[in-house]
């Protein structure tokens, strides 16, 4: 089956939530809060999607970038049924190309994806800190 990759300027909240669920990333996103999901989409600098021949979204990457120094890959979700076919790698590469290869690509790996990123050439950084707070 042929996939196409696009910038997703008109991605709906429903499509985004659907692919998050099919990828298991929904476990770590506030999918019950439409206004937060809508904000995630509206404030993203780069949204790259992978669609199958029927037009169904099977993968999505969402990034925030200053296009000068850093690009933060906030979400990389691929439908479980489509994983292992290079879709995540292609989305990641297209995001980095769009932001500029001169930027540092930064991400926090989901627990189930920790082994994926070294496989595609990313290096683990030893000094990352986060402040975790619950969504209100």
C-alpha atoms as a PDB file:
ATOM      1  CA  UNK A   1       0.000   0.000   0.000  1.00  0.00           C
ATOM      2  CA  UNK A   2       1.274   3.432  -0.956  1.00  0.00           C
ATOM      3  CA  UNK A   3       1.609   6.157   1.663  1.00  0.00           C
ATOM      4  CA  UNK A   4       1.738   9.887   1.095  1.00  0.00           C
ATOM      5  CA  UNK A   5       3.285  12.416   3.462  1.00  0.00           C
ATOM      6  CA  UNK A   6       1.887  15.917   3.845  1.00  0.00           C
ATOM      7  CA  UNK A   7       2.031  18.986   6.007  1.00  0.00           C
ATOM      8  CA  UNK A   8      -1.250  18.713   7.891  1.00  0.00           C
ATOM      9  CA  UNK A   9      -2.455  22.318   8.059  1.00  0.00           C
ATOM     10  CA  UNK A  10      -6.121  21.280   8.344  1.00  0.00           C
ATOM     11  CA  UNK A  11      -5.786  18.305  10.701  1.00  0.00           C
ATOM     12  CA  UNK A  12      -8.897  17.878  12.830  1.00  0.00           C
ATOM     13  CA  UNK A  13      -8.914  17.158  16.542  1.00  0.00           C
ATOM     14  CA  UNK A  14     -10.818  13.933  15.808  1.00  0.00           C
ATOM     15  CA  UNK A  15      -8.221  12.645  13.336  1.00  0.00           C
ATOM     16  CA  UNK A  16      -5.385  13.513  15.697  1.00  0.00           C
ATOM     17  CA  UNK A  17      -7.032  11.763  18.657  1.00  0.00           C
ATOM     18  CA  UNK A  18      -7.857   8.747  16.492  1.00  0.00           C
ATOM     19  CA  UNK A  19      -4.243   8.190  15.406  1.00  0.00           C
ATOM     20  CA  UNK A  20      -3.022   8.827  18.967  1.00  0.00           C
ATOM     21  CA  UNK A  21      -5.319   6.025  20.144  1.00  0.00           C
ATOM     22  CA  UNK A  22      -4.219   3.675  17.375  1.00  0.00           C
ATOM     23  CA  UNK A  23      -0.566   4.350  18.230  1.00  0.00           C
ATOM     24  CA  UNK A  24      -0.925   4.033  22.040  1.00  0.00           C
ATOM     25  CA  UNK A  25       0.376   7.602  22.502  1.00  0.00           C
ATOM     26  CA  UNK A  26      -3.107   8.546  23.737  1.00  0.00           C
ATOM     27  CA  UNK A  27      -2.126   6.961  27.060  1.00  0.00           C
ATOM     28  CA  UNK A  28       0.074  10.015  27.694  1.00  0.00           C
ATOM     29  CA  UNK A  29      -2.032  12.767  26.150  1.00  0.00           C
ATOM     30  CA  UNK A  30      -5.177  14.501  27.508  1.00  0.00           C
ATOM     31  CA  UNK A  31      -7.444  13.215  24.736  1.00  0.00           C
ATOM     32  CA  UNK A  32     -10.570  13.841  26.807  1.00  0.00           C
ATOM     33  CA  UNK A  33      -9.787  17.589  26.772  1.00  0.00           C
ATOM     34  CA  UNK A  34     -10.609  18.822  23.251  1.00  0.00           C
ATOM     35  CA  UNK A  35      -9.488  22.366  24.029  1.00  0.00           C
ATOM     36  CA  UNK A  36      -6.000  21.153  24.972  1.00  0.00           C
ATOM     37  CA  UNK A  37      -5.750  18.938  21.889  1.00  0.00           C
ATOM     38  CA  UNK A  38      -6.932  21.847  19.724  1.00  0.00           C
ATOM     39  CA  UNK A  39      -4.235  24.056  21.254  1.00  0.00           C
ATOM     40  CA  UNK A  40      -1.618  21.382  20.600  1.00  0.00           C
ATOM     41  CA  UNK A  41      -2.532  21.443  16.918  1.00  0.00           C
ATOM     42  CA  UNK A  42      -2.919  25.219  16.577  1.00  0.00           C
ATOM     43  CA  UNK A  43       0.387  26.032  18.261  1.00  0.00           C
ATOM     44  CA  UNK A  44       2.466  23.424  16.450  1.00  0.00           C
ATOM     45  CA  UNK A  45       5.002  24.861  14.043  1.00  0.00           C
ATOM     46  CA  UNK A  46       5.201  21.664  11.991  1.00  0.00           C
ATOM     47  CA  UNK A  47       2.652  18.875  11.529  1.00  0.00           C
ATOM     48  CA  UNK A  48       3.611  16.080   9.141  1.00  0.00           C
ATOM     49  CA  UNK A  49       1.169  13.261   8.493  1.00  0.00           C
ATOM     50  CA  UNK A  50       1.323   9.939   6.690  1.00  0.00           C
ATOM     51  CA  UNK A  51      -1.859   8.822   4.953  1.00  0.00           C
ATOM     52  CA  UNK A  52      -2.786   5.582   3.278  1.00  0.00           C
ATOM     53  CA  UNK A  53      -4.471   5.312  -0.123  1.00  0.00           C
ATOM     54  CA  UNK A  54      -7.914   5.821   1.426  1.00  0.00           C
ATOM     55  CA  UNK A  55      -6.777   9.062   3.058  1.00  0.00           C
ATOM     56  CA  UNK A  56      -6.735   7.666   6.582  1.00  0.00           C
ATOM     57  CA  UNK A  57      -4.086   9.187   8.826  1.00  0.00           C
ATOM     58  CA  UNK A  58      -1.719   6.387   9.895  1.00  0.00           C
ATOM     59  CA  UNK A  59       1.060   8.519  11.364  1.00  0.00           C
ATOM     60  CA  UNK A  60       1.627  12.038  12.630  1.00  0.00           C
ATOM     61  CA  UNK A  61       4.548  14.120  13.844  1.00  0.00           C
ATOM     62  CA  UNK A  62       4.091  17.381  15.727  1.00  0.00           C
ATOM     63  CA  UNK A  63       6.995  19.737  16.342  1.00  0.00           C
ATOM     64  CA  UNK A  64       7.782  23.130  17.841  1.00  0.00           C
ATOM     65  CA  UNK A  65      10.742  24.960  16.354  1.00  0.00           C
ATOM     66  CA  UNK A  66      12.515  28.302  16.317  1.00  0.00           C
ATOM     67  CA  UNK A  67      13.903  27.252  12.892  1.00  0.00           C
ATOM     68  CA  UNK A  68      17.314  28.535  13.997  1.00  0.00           C
ATOM     69  CA  UNK A  69      18.720  26.371  16.784  1.00  0.00           C
ATOM     70  CA  UNK A  70      16.273  23.803  18.097  1.00  0.00           C
ATOM     71  CA  UNK A  71      13.317  21.710  17.035  1.00  0.00           C
ATOM     72  CA  UNK A  72      11.339  19.852  19.682  1.00  0.00           C
ATOM     73  CA  UNK A  73       9.536  16.760  18.414  1.00  0.00           C
ATOM     74  CA  UNK A  74       6.509  16.855  20.695  1.00  0.00           C
ATOM     75  CA  UNK A  75       4.640  13.877  19.228  1.00  0.00           C
ATOM     76  CA  UNK A  76       5.492  11.027  16.900  1.00  0.00           C
ATOM     77  CA  UNK A  77       2.623   8.590  16.591  1.00  0.00           C
ATOM     78  CA  UNK A  78       2.207   5.717  14.146  1.00  0.00           C
ATOM     79  CA  UNK A  79      -0.758   3.367  14.106  1.00  0.00           C
ATOM     80  CA  UNK A  80       0.368   0.076  15.717  1.00  0.00           C
ATOM     81  CA  UNK A  81      -0.796  -1.813  12.608  1.00  0.00           C
ATOM     82  CA  UNK A  82       1.604   0.276  10.484  1.00  0.00           C
ATOM     83  CA  UNK A  83       4.649   0.272  12.758  1.00  0.00           C
ATOM     84  CA  UNK A  84       7.914  -1.273  11.603  1.00  0.00           C
ATOM     85  CA  UNK A  85       7.642   0.080   8.042  1.00  0.00           C
ATOM     86  CA  UNK A  86       9.787   3.199   8.398  1.00  0.00           C
ATOM     87  CA  UNK A  87       6.866   5.624   8.742  1.00  0.00           C
ATOM     88  CA  UNK A  88       8.063   7.156  12.002  1.00  0.00           C
ATOM     89  CA  UNK A  89      11.552   7.584  10.593  1.00  0.00           C
ATOM     90  CA  UNK A  90      10.204   9.260   7.455  1.00  0.00           C
ATOM     91  CA  UNK A  91       7.991  11.625   9.452  1.00  0.00           C
ATOM     92  CA  UNK A  92      10.904  12.503  11.747  1.00  0.00           C
ATOM     93  CA  UNK A  93      13.177  13.176   8.744  1.00  0.00           C
ATOM     94  CA  UNK A  94      10.571  15.343   7.034  1.00  0.00           C
ATOM     95  CA  UNK A  95      10.055  17.368  10.211  1.00  0.00           C
ATOM     96  CA  UNK A  96      13.790  17.888  10.568  1.00  0.00           C
ATOM     97  CA  UNK A  97      14.077  18.859   6.887  1.00  0.00           C
ATOM     98  CA  UNK A  98      11.207  21.358   7.293  1.00  0.00           C
ATOM     99  CA  UNK A  99      12.748  22.906  10.431  1.00  0.00           C
ATOM    100  CA  UNK A 100      16.242  22.862   8.952  1.00  0.00           C
ATOM    101  CA  UNK A 101      18.879  20.209   9.414  1.00  0.00           C
ATOM    102  CA  UNK A 102      21.025  22.829  11.146  1.00  0.00           C
ATOM    103  CA  UNK A 103      18.616  22.692  14.132  1.00  0.00           C
ATOM    104  CA  UNK A 104      19.086  20.200  16.936  1.00  0.00           C
ATOM    105  CA  UNK A 105      16.213  17.731  17.023  1.00  0.00           C
ATOM    106  CA  UNK A 106      15.126  17.181  20.638  1.00  0.00           C
ATOM    107  CA  UNK A 107      12.535  14.775  22.025  1.00  0.00           C
ATOM    108  CA  UNK A 108      11.423  12.854  25.068  1.00  0.00           C
ATOM    109  CA  UNK A 109      10.804   9.224  24.163  1.00  0.00           C
ATOM    110  CA  UNK A 110       7.638   7.465  25.200  1.00  0.00           C
ATOM    111  CA  UNK A 111       8.551   4.425  27.312  1.00  0.00           C
ATOM    112  CA  UNK A 112       7.538   2.021  24.524  1.00  0.00           C
ATOM    113  CA  UNK A 113       9.700   3.927  21.998  1.00  0.00           C
ATOM    114  CA  UNK A 114      12.977   4.119  23.934  1.00  0.00           C
ATOM    115  CA  UNK A 115      14.620   1.471  21.761  1.00  0.00           C
ATOM    116  CA  UNK A 116      13.341   3.000  18.504  1.00  0.00           C
ATOM    117  CA  UNK A 117      15.321   6.242  18.534  1.00  0.00           C
ATOM    118  CA  UNK A 118      18.869   4.838  18.804  1.00  0.00           C
ATOM    119  CA  UNK A 119      17.964   2.493  15.939  1.00  0.00           C
ATOM    120  CA  UNK A 120      17.404   5.486  13.628  1.00  0.00           C
ATOM    121  CA  UNK A 121      20.550   7.343  14.660  1.00  0.00           C
ATOM    122  CA  UNK A 122      19.499   9.555  17.564  1.00  0.00           C
ATOM    123  CA  UNK A 123      21.799   9.832  20.561  1.00  0.00           C
ATOM    124  CA  UNK A 124      20.592   9.769  24.146  1.00  0.00           C
ATOM    125  CA  UNK A 125      21.462  12.948  26.037  1.00  0.00           C
ATOM    126  CA  UNK A 126      22.444  12.527  29.702  1.00  0.00           C
ATOM    127  CA  UNK A 127      21.238  15.897  30.986  1.00  0.00           C
ATOM    128  CA  UNK A 128      17.546  16.377  30.501  1.00  0.00           C
ATOM    129  CA  UNK A 129      15.251  17.629  33.216  1.00  0.00           C
ATOM    130  CA  UNK A 130      11.511  17.945  33.221  1.00  0.00           C
ATOM    131  CA  UNK A 131       8.900  19.401  35.529  1.00  0.00           C
ATOM    132  CA  UNK A 132       5.815  17.234  35.537  1.00  0.00           C
ATOM    133  CA  UNK A 133       2.492  18.714  36.476  1.00  0.00           C
ATOM    134  CA  UNK A 134      -0.954  17.308  35.988  1.00  0.00           C
ATOM    135  CA  UNK A 135      -3.297  18.778  33.405  1.00  0.00           C
ATOM    136  CA  UNK A 136      -6.001  20.793  35.143  1.00  0.00           C
END
